[in-house]
Amino acid sequence: MKVEKVIEFKENFPIDGEAYIVGKGENGKYFFAWGPEIPYEEEVPAGNILDGDSGIEWYETEKEAVSEMEEVAEAWENYILL
């Protein structure tokens, strides 16, 4: 699935060499992807990948995808502070 638009990108997060991204696919849906591979690709998997170092989850709205990324980023930041 081709990435049509990058909405938000956090490079070297949560650790160096990894990233979080929210984007829009050519299917008109929005995704949140993470890890050392998928966020850096011009084409992403068309289905959800929830296990492994790199993953992706698809959403109907931009708001849902951004909200998920923010929630996960906040949880990671809180974990680091422990």
PDB file of N, CA and C in Angstrom:
ATOM      1  N   MET A   1       0.842  -1.160   0.000  1.00  0.00           N
ATOM      2  CA  MET A   1       0.000   0.000   0.000  1.00  0.00           C
ATOM      3  C   MET A   1       0.899   1.237   0.000  1.00  0.00           C
ATOM      4  N   LYS A   2       0.743   2.093  -0.980  1.00  0.00           N
ATOM      5  CA  LYS A   2       1.545   3.305  -1.091  1.00  0.00           C
ATOM      6  C   LYS A   2       1.116   4.331  -0.043  1.00  0.00           C
ATOM      7  N   VAL A   3       2.109   4.982   0.569  1.00  0.00           N
ATOM      8  CA  VAL A   3       1.847   6.063   1.518  1.00  0.00           C
ATOM      9  C   VAL A   3       1.601   7.338   0.709  1.00  0.00           C
ATOM     10  N   GLU A   4       0.388   7.895   0.841  1.00  0.00           N
ATOM     11  CA  GLU A   4       0.059   9.124   0.113  1.00  0.00           C
ATOM     12  C   GLU A   4       0.469  10.377   0.871  1.00  0.00           C
ATOM     13  N   LYS A   5       0.402  10.309   2.203  1.00  0.00           N
ATOM     14  CA  LYS A   5       0.667  11.505   2.992  1.00  0.00           C
ATOM     15  C   LYS A   5       1.197  11.109   4.365  1.00  0.00           C
ATOM     16  N   VAL A   6       2.262  11.791   4.800  1.00  0.00           N
ATOM     17  CA  VAL A   6       2.772  11.632   6.160  1.00  0.00           C
ATOM     18  C   VAL A   6       2.168  12.762   6.988  1.00  0.00           C
ATOM     19  N   ILE A   7       1.474  12.394   8.047  1.00  0.00           N
ATOM     20  CA  ILE A   7       0.799  13.382   8.890  1.00  0.00           C
ATOM     21  C   ILE A   7       1.659  13.766  10.080  1.00  0.00           C
ATOM     22  N   GLU A   8       2.272  12.779  10.713  1.00  0.00           N
ATOM     23  CA  GLU A   8       3.139  13.034  11.854  1.00  0.00           C
ATOM     24  C   GLU A   8       4.228  11.977  11.859  1.00  0.00           C
ATOM     25  N   PHE A   9       5.449  12.397  12.183  1.00  0.00           N
ATOM     26  CA  PHE A   9       6.593  11.482  12.168  1.00  0.00           C
ATOM     27  C   PHE A   9       7.494  11.803  13.351  1.00  0.00           C
ATOM     28  N   LYS A  10       7.763  10.801  14.172  1.00  0.00           N
ATOM     29  CA  LYS A  10       8.683  10.947  15.309  1.00  0.00           C
ATOM     30  C   LYS A  10       9.877  10.049  15.021  1.00  0.00           C
ATOM     31  N   GLU A  11      10.972  10.653  14.586  1.00  0.00           N
ATOM     32  CA  GLU A  11      12.166   9.884  14.253  1.00  0.00           C
ATOM     33  C   GLU A  11      13.003   9.651  15.506  1.00  0.00           C
ATOM     34  N   ASN A  12      13.690   8.505  15.524  1.00  0.00           N
ATOM     35  CA  ASN A  12      14.502   8.094  16.675  1.00  0.00           C
ATOM     36  C   ASN A  12      13.665   8.088  17.954  1.00  0.00           C
ATOM     37  N   PHE A  13      12.474   7.541  17.822  1.00  0.00           N
ATOM     38  CA  PHE A  13      11.556   7.420  18.954  1.00  0.00           C
ATOM     39  C   PHE A  13      10.864   6.077  18.871  1.00  0.00           C
ATOM     40  N   PRO A  14      10.789   5.321  19.899  1.00  0.00           N
ATOM     41  CA  PRO A  14      11.204   5.618  21.262  1.00  0.00           C
ATOM     42  C   PRO A  14      12.705   5.438  21.504  1.00  0.00           C
ATOM     43  N   ILE A  15      13.425   4.823  20.547  1.00  0.00           N
ATOM     44  CA  ILE A  15      14.880   4.690  20.672  1.00  0.00           C
ATOM     45  C   ILE A  15      15.516   5.015  19.323  1.00  0.00           C
ATOM     46  N   ASP A  16      16.818   5.252  19.323  1.00  0.00           N
ATOM     47  CA  ASP A  16      17.523   5.544  18.078  1.00  0.00           C
ATOM     48  C   ASP A  16      17.292   4.441  17.047  1.00  0.00           C
ATOM     49  N   GLY A  17      17.052   4.862  15.815  1.00  0.00           N
ATOM     50  CA  GLY A  17      16.860   3.913  14.724  1.00  0.00           C
ATOM     51  C   GLY A  17      15.438   3.438  14.541  1.00  0.00           C
ATOM     52  N   GLU A  18      14.536   3.874  15.415  1.00  0.00           N
ATOM     53  CA  GLU A  18      13.121   3.517  15.294  1.00  0.00           C
ATOM     54  C   GLU A  18      12.303   4.794  15.140  1.00  0.00           C
ATOM     55  N   ALA A  19      11.062   4.626  14.749  1.00  0.00           N
ATOM     56  CA  ALA A  19      10.202   5.794  14.544  1.00  0.00           C
ATOM     57  C   ALA A  19       8.739   5.426  14.750  1.00  0.00           C
ATOM     58  N   TYR A  20       7.957   6.465  14.973  1.00  0.00           N
ATOM     59  CA  TYR A  20       6.496   6.374  14.973  1.00  0.00           C
ATOM     60  C   TYR A  20       6.026   7.257  13.827  1.00  0.00           C
ATOM     61  N   ILE A  21       4.998   6.800  13.118  1.00  0.00           N
ATOM     62  CA  ILE A  21       4.464   7.576  12.006  1.00  0.00           C
ATOM     63  C   ILE A  21       2.951   7.413  11.943  1.00  0.00           C
ATOM     64  N   VAL A  22       2.287   8.495  11.604  1.00  0.00           N
ATOM     65  CA  VAL A  22       0.875   8.459  11.229  1.00  0.00           C
ATOM     66  C   VAL A  22       0.826   8.934   9.789  1.00  0.00           C
ATOM     67  N   GLY A  23       0.129   8.186   8.961  1.00  0.00           N
ATOM     68  CA  GLY A  23       0.045   8.546   7.555  1.00  0.00           C
ATOM     69  C   GLY A  23      -1.285   8.141   6.958  1.00  0.00           C
ATOM     70  N   LYS A  24      -1.437   8.503   5.695  1.00  0.00           N
ATOM     71  CA  LYS A  24      -2.634   8.149   4.934  1.00  0.00           C
ATOM     72  C   LYS A  24      -2.196   7.271   3.767  1.00  0.00           C
ATOM     73  N   GLY A  25      -2.881   6.136   3.617  1.00  0.00           N
ATOM     74  CA  GLY A  25      -2.572   5.226   2.524  1.00  0.00           C
ATOM     75  C   GLY A  25      -3.395   5.548   1.290  1.00  0.00           C
ATOM     76  N   GLU A  26      -3.011   4.953   0.181  1.00  0.00           N
ATOM     77  CA  GLU A  26      -3.731   5.178  -1.069  1.00  0.00           C
ATOM     78  C   GLU A  26      -5.156   4.627  -1.022  1.00  0.00           C
ATOM     79  N   ASN A  27      -5.476   3.850   0.021  1.00  0.00           N
ATOM     80  CA  ASN A  27      -6.828   3.324   0.204  1.00  0.00           C
ATOM     81  C   ASN A  27      -7.754   4.324   0.902  1.00  0.00           C
ATOM     82  N   GLY A  28      -7.206   5.502   1.271  1.00  0.00           N
ATOM     83  CA  GLY A  28      -8.010   6.518   1.931  1.00  0.00           C
ATOM     84  C   GLY A  28      -8.098   6.355   3.436  1.00  0.00           C
ATOM     85  N   LYS A  29      -7.495   5.286   3.956  1.00  0.00           N
ATOM     86  CA  LYS A  29      -7.492   5.059   5.399  1.00  0.00           C
ATOM     87  C   LYS A  29      -6.189   5.578   5.997  1.00  0.00           C
ATOM     88  N   TYR A  30      -6.185   5.665   7.319  1.00  0.00           N
ATOM     89  CA  TYR A  30      -5.046   6.211   8.051  1.00  0.00           C
ATOM     90  C   TYR A  30      -4.378   5.107   8.864  1.00  0.00           C
ATOM     91  N   PHE A  31      -3.083   5.244   9.069  1.00  0.00           N
ATOM     92  CA  PHE A  31      -2.358   4.226   9.803  1.00  0.00           C
ATOM     93  C   PHE A  31      -1.425   4.844  10.828  1.00  0.00           C
ATOM     94  N   PHE A  32      -1.143   4.058  11.847  1.00  0.00           N
ATOM     95  CA  PHE A  32      -0.079   4.334  12.811  1.00  0.00           C
ATOM     96  C   PHE A  32       0.882   3.169  12.679  1.00  0.00           C
ATOM     97  N   ALA A  33       2.150   3.464  12.419  1.00  0.00           N
ATOM     98  CA  ALA A  33       3.163   2.422  12.295  1.00  0.00           C
ATOM     99  C   ALA A  33       4.350   2.761  13.186  1.00  0.00           C
ATOM    100  N   TRP A  34       5.073   1.725  13.588  1.00  0.00           N
ATOM    101  CA  TRP A  34       6.197   1.902  14.516  1.00  0.00           C
ATOM    102  C   TRP A  34       7.293   0.910  14.211  1.00  0.00           C
ATOM    103  N   GLY A  35       8.486   1.221  14.707  1.00  0.00           N
ATOM    104  CA  GLY A  35       9.602   0.295  14.609  1.00  0.00           C
ATOM    105  C   GLY A  35      10.722   0.786  13.723  1.00  0.00           C
ATOM    106  N   PRO A  36      11.687  -0.109  13.440  1.00  0.00           N
ATOM    107  CA  PRO A  36      12.851   0.266  12.652  1.00  0.00           C
ATOM    108  C   PRO A  36      12.670   0.113  11.141  1.00  0.00           C
ATOM    109  N   GLU A  37      11.535  -0.425  10.685  1.00  0.00           N
ATOM    110  CA  GLU A  37      11.380  -0.680   9.247  1.00  0.00           C
ATOM    111  C   GLU A  37      10.182   0.040   8.629  1.00  0.00           C
ATOM    112  N   ILE A  38       8.977  -0.328   9.011  1.00  0.00           N
ATOM    113  CA  ILE A  38       7.761   0.156   8.349  1.00  0.00           C
ATOM    114  C   ILE A  38       7.665   1.680   8.290  1.00  0.00           C
ATOM    115  N   PRO A  39       7.976   2.421   9.361  1.00  0.00           N
ATOM    116  CA  PRO A  39       7.829   3.877   9.280  1.00  0.00           C
ATOM    117  C   PRO A  39       8.708   4.546   8.218  1.00  0.00           C
ATOM    118  N   TYR A  40       9.750   3.872   7.790  1.00  0.00           N
ATOM    119  CA  TYR A  40      10.684   4.447   6.827  1.00  0.00           C
ATOM    120  C   TYR A  40      10.381   4.045   5.375  1.00  0.00           C
ATOM    121  N   GLU A  41       9.365   3.241   5.167  1.00  0.00           N
ATOM    122  CA  GLU A  41       9.048   2.727   3.841  1.00  0.00           C
ATOM    123  C   GLU A  41       8.070   3.638   3.084  1.00  0.00           C
ATOM    124  N   GLU A  42       8.178   3.640   1.760  1.00  0.00           N
ATOM    125  CA  GLU A  42       7.235   4.380   0.922  1.00  0.00           C
ATOM    126  C   GLU A  42       5.960   3.576   0.684  1.00  0.00           C
ATOM    127  N   GLU A  43       6.064   2.269   0.871  1.00  0.00           N
ATOM    128  CA  GLU A  43       4.904   1.384   0.786  1.00  0.00           C
ATOM    129  C   GLU A  43       4.828   0.599   2.088  1.00  0.00           C
ATOM    130  N   VAL A  44       3.612   0.490   2.623  1.00  0.00           N
ATOM    131  CA  VAL A  44       3.403  -0.183   3.911  1.00  0.00           C
ATOM    132  C   VAL A  44       2.441  -1.357   3.722  1.00  0.00           C
ATOM    133  N   PRO A  45       2.454  -2.319   4.644  1.00  0.00           N
ATOM    134  CA  PRO A  45       1.521  -3.445   4.555  1.00  0.00           C
ATOM    135  C   PRO A  45       0.065  -2.957   4.573  1.00  0.00           C
ATOM    136  N   ALA A  46      -0.780  -3.617   3.806  1.00  0.00           N
ATOM    137  CA  ALA A  46      -2.189  -3.224   3.694  1.00  0.00           C
ATOM    138  C   ALA A  46      -3.028  -3.696   4.874  1.00  0.00           C
ATOM    139  N   GLY A  47      -2.500  -4.609   5.675  1.00  0.00           N
ATOM    140  CA  GLY A  47      -3.232  -5.118   6.828  1.00  0.00           C
ATOM    141  C   GLY A  47      -2.497  -4.820   8.116  1.00  0.00           C
ATOM    142  N   ASN A  48      -3.186  -5.033   9.213  1.00  0.00           N
ATOM    143  CA  ASN A  48      -2.594  -4.806  10.532  1.00  0.00           C
ATOM    144  C   ASN A  48      -1.486  -5.809  10.819  1.00  0.00           C
ATOM    145  N   ILE A  49      -0.400  -5.331  11.393  1.00  0.00           N
ATOM    146  CA  ILE A  49       0.682  -6.173  11.916  1.00  0.00           C
ATOM    147  C   ILE A  49       0.906  -5.681  13.328  1.00  0.00           C
ATOM    148  N   LEU A  50       0.511  -6.475  14.304  1.00  0.00           N
ATOM    149  CA  LEU A  50       0.534  -6.030  15.688  1.00  0.00           C
ATOM    150  C   LEU A  50       1.640  -6.671  16.512  1.00  0.00           C
ATOM    151  N   ASP A  51       2.348  -7.645  15.947  1.00  0.00           N
ATOM    152  CA  ASP A  51       3.426  -8.314  16.659  1.00  0.00           C
ATOM    153  C   ASP A  51       4.754  -8.036  15.965  1.00  0.00           C
ATOM    154  N   GLY A  52       5.815  -7.997  16.737  1.00  0.00           N
ATOM    155  CA  GLY A  52       7.145  -7.828  16.171  1.00  0.00           C
ATOM    156  C   GLY A  52       7.709  -6.443  16.411  1.00  0.00           C
ATOM    157  N   ASP A  53       8.940  -6.255  15.927  1.00  0.00           N
ATOM    158  CA  ASP A  53       9.635  -4.979  16.119  1.00  0.00           C
ATOM    159  C   ASP A  53       8.977  -3.844  15.342  1.00  0.00           C
ATOM    160  N   SER A  54       8.520  -4.128  14.143  1.00  0.00           N
ATOM    161  CA  SER A  54       7.814  -3.135  13.336  1.00  0.00           C
ATOM    162  C   SER A  54       6.365  -3.566  13.192  1.00  0.00           C
ATOM    163  N   GLY A  55       5.454  -2.615  13.316  1.00  0.00           N
ATOM    164  CA  GLY A  55       4.040  -2.943  13.194  1.00  0.00           C
ATOM    165  C   GLY A  55       3.271  -1.800  12.577  1.00  0.00           C
ATOM    166  N   ILE A  56       2.016  -2.087  12.262  1.00  0.00           N
ATOM    167  CA  ILE A  56       1.128  -1.096  11.664  1.00  0.00           C
ATOM    168  C   ILE A  56      -0.302  -1.429  12.054  1.00  0.00           C
ATOM    169  N   GLU A  57      -1.089  -0.385  12.282  1.00  0.00           N
ATOM    170  CA  GLU A  57      -2.507  -0.559  12.549  1.00  0.00           C
ATOM    171  C   GLU A  57      -3.265   0.503  11.757  1.00  0.00           C
ATOM    172  N   TRP A  58      -4.347   0.070  11.107  1.00  0.00           N
ATOM    173  CA  TRP A  58      -5.134   0.936  10.228  1.00  0.00           C
ATOM    174  C   TRP A  58      -6.377   1.462  10.941  1.00  0.00           C
ATOM    175  N   TYR A  59      -6.768   2.695  10.576  1.00  0.00           N
ATOM    176  CA  TYR A  59      -7.919   3.374  11.177  1.00  0.00           C
ATOM    177  C   TYR A  59      -8.735   4.063  10.092  1.00  0.00           C
ATOM    178  N   GLU A  60      -9.993   4.301  10.386  1.00  0.00           N
ATOM    179  CA  GLU A  60     -10.885   4.984   9.445  1.00  0.00           C
ATOM    180  C   GLU A  60     -10.624   6.489   9.395  1.00  0.00           C
ATOM    181  N   THR A  61     -10.189   7.059  10.534  1.00  0.00           N
ATOM    182  CA  THR A  61      -9.998   8.511  10.580  1.00  0.00           C
ATOM    183  C   THR A  61      -8.582   8.879  11.006  1.00  0.00           C
ATOM    184  N   GLU A  62      -8.169  10.064  10.596  1.00  0.00           N
ATOM    185  CA  GLU A  62      -6.874  10.608  10.994  1.00  0.00           C
ATOM    186  C   GLU A  62      -6.827  10.792  12.511  1.00  0.00           C
ATOM    187  N   LYS A  63      -7.936  11.268  13.070  1.00  0.00           N
ATOM    188  CA  LYS A  63      -8.011  11.515  14.504  1.00  0.00           C
ATOM    189  C   LYS A  63      -7.734  10.240  15.304  1.00  0.00           C
ATOM    190  N   GLU A  64      -8.296   9.111  14.870  1.00  0.00           N
ATOM    191  CA  GLU A  64      -8.072   7.839  15.566  1.00  0.00           C
ATOM    192  C   GLU A  64      -6.591   7.436  15.520  1.00  0.00           C
ATOM    193  N   ALA A  65      -5.978   7.582  14.353  1.00  0.00           N
ATOM    194  CA  ALA A  65      -4.578   7.183  14.196  1.00  0.00           C
ATOM    195  C   ALA A  65      -3.654   8.071  15.031  1.00  0.00           C
ATOM    196  N   VAL A  66      -3.885   9.388  14.990  1.00  0.00           N
ATOM    197  CA  VAL A  66      -3.065  10.317  15.771  1.00  0.00           C
ATOM    198  C   VAL A  66      -3.250  10.058  17.257  1.00  0.00           C
ATOM    199  N   SER A  67      -4.477   9.831  17.674  1.00  0.00           N
ATOM    200  CA  SER A  67      -4.770   9.569  19.081  1.00  0.00           C
ATOM    201  C   SER A  67      -4.040   8.319  19.567  1.00  0.00           C
ATOM    202  N   GLU A  68      -4.026   7.275  18.757  1.00  0.00           N
ATOM    203  CA  GLU A  68      -3.333   6.033  19.135  1.00  0.00           C
ATOM    204  C   GLU A  68      -1.834   6.277  19.262  1.00  0.00           C
ATOM    205  N   MET A  69      -1.245   6.994  18.302  1.00  0.00           N
ATOM    206  CA  MET A  69       0.176   7.274  18.377  1.00  0.00           C
ATOM    207  C   MET A  69       0.493   8.089  19.626  1.00  0.00           C
ATOM    208  N   GLU A  70      -0.292   9.101  19.912  1.00  0.00           N
ATOM    209  CA  GLU A  70      -0.054   9.933  21.095  1.00  0.00           C
ATOM    210  C   GLU A  70      -0.172   9.125  22.382  1.00  0.00           C
ATOM    211  N   GLU A  71      -1.142   8.233  22.429  1.00  0.00           N
ATOM    212  CA  GLU A  71      -1.337   7.388  23.615  1.00  0.00           C
ATOM    213  C   GLU A  71      -0.149   6.457  23.831  1.00  0.00           C
ATOM    214  N   VAL A  72       0.313   5.833  22.763  1.00  0.00           N
ATOM    215  CA  VAL A  72       1.452   4.915  22.860  1.00  0.00           C
ATOM    216  C   VAL A  72       2.726   5.685  23.203  1.00  0.00           C
ATOM    217  N   ALA A  73       2.938   6.846  22.587  1.00  0.00           N
ATOM    218  CA  ALA A  73       4.127   7.657  22.873  1.00  0.00           C
ATOM    219  C   ALA A  73       4.135   8.103  24.330  1.00  0.00           C
ATOM    220  N   GLU A  74       2.983   8.514  24.838  1.00  0.00           N
ATOM    221  CA  GLU A  74       2.887   8.937  26.234  1.00  0.00           C
ATOM    222  C   GLU A  74       3.183   7.771  27.180  1.00  0.00           C
ATOM    223  N   ALA A  75       2.642   6.604  26.867  1.00  0.00           N
ATOM    224  CA  ALA A  75       2.898   5.425  27.699  1.00  0.00           C
ATOM    225  C   ALA A  75       4.386   5.093  27.700  1.00  0.00           C
ATOM    226  N   TRP A  76       5.026   5.190  26.550  1.00  0.00           N
ATOM    227  CA  TRP A  76       6.462   4.907  26.466  1.00  0.00           C
ATOM    228  C   TRP A  76       7.258   5.936  27.272  1.00  0.00           C
ATOM    229  N   GLU A  77       6.907   7.215  27.150  1.00  0.00           N
ATOM    230  CA  GLU A  77       7.603   8.266  27.892  1.00  0.00           C
ATOM    231  C   GLU A  77       7.428   8.072  29.398  1.00  0.00           C
ATOM    232  N   ASN A  78       6.250   7.684  29.828  1.00  0.00           N
ATOM    233  CA  ASN A  78       6.012   7.424  31.251  1.00  0.00           C
ATOM    234  C   ASN A  78       6.808   6.219  31.734  1.00  0.00           C
ATOM    235  N   TYR A  79       6.950   5.216  30.877  1.00  0.00           N
ATOM    236  CA  TYR A  79       7.745   4.031  31.210  1.00  0.00           C
ATOM    237  C   TYR A  79       9.203   4.398  31.429  1.00  0.00           C
ATOM    238  N   ILE A  80       9.725   5.255  30.553  1.00  0.00           N
ATOM    239  CA  ILE A  80      11.124   5.681  30.642  1.00  0.00           C
ATOM    240  C   ILE A  80      11.367   6.435  31.950  1.00  0.00           C
ATOM    241  N   LEU A  81      10.391   7.194  32.402  1.00  0.00           N
ATOM    242  CA  LEU A  81      10.538   7.982  33.616  1.00  0.00           C
ATOM    243  C   LEU A  81      10.523   7.145  34.889  1.00  0.00           C
ATOM    244  N   LEU A  82      10.046   5.895  34.802  1.00  0.00           N
ATOM    245  CA  LEU A  82       9.990   5.046  35.991  1.00  0.00           C
ATOM    246  C   LEU A  82      11.331   4.636  36.497  1.00  0.00           C
TER     247      LEU A  82
END
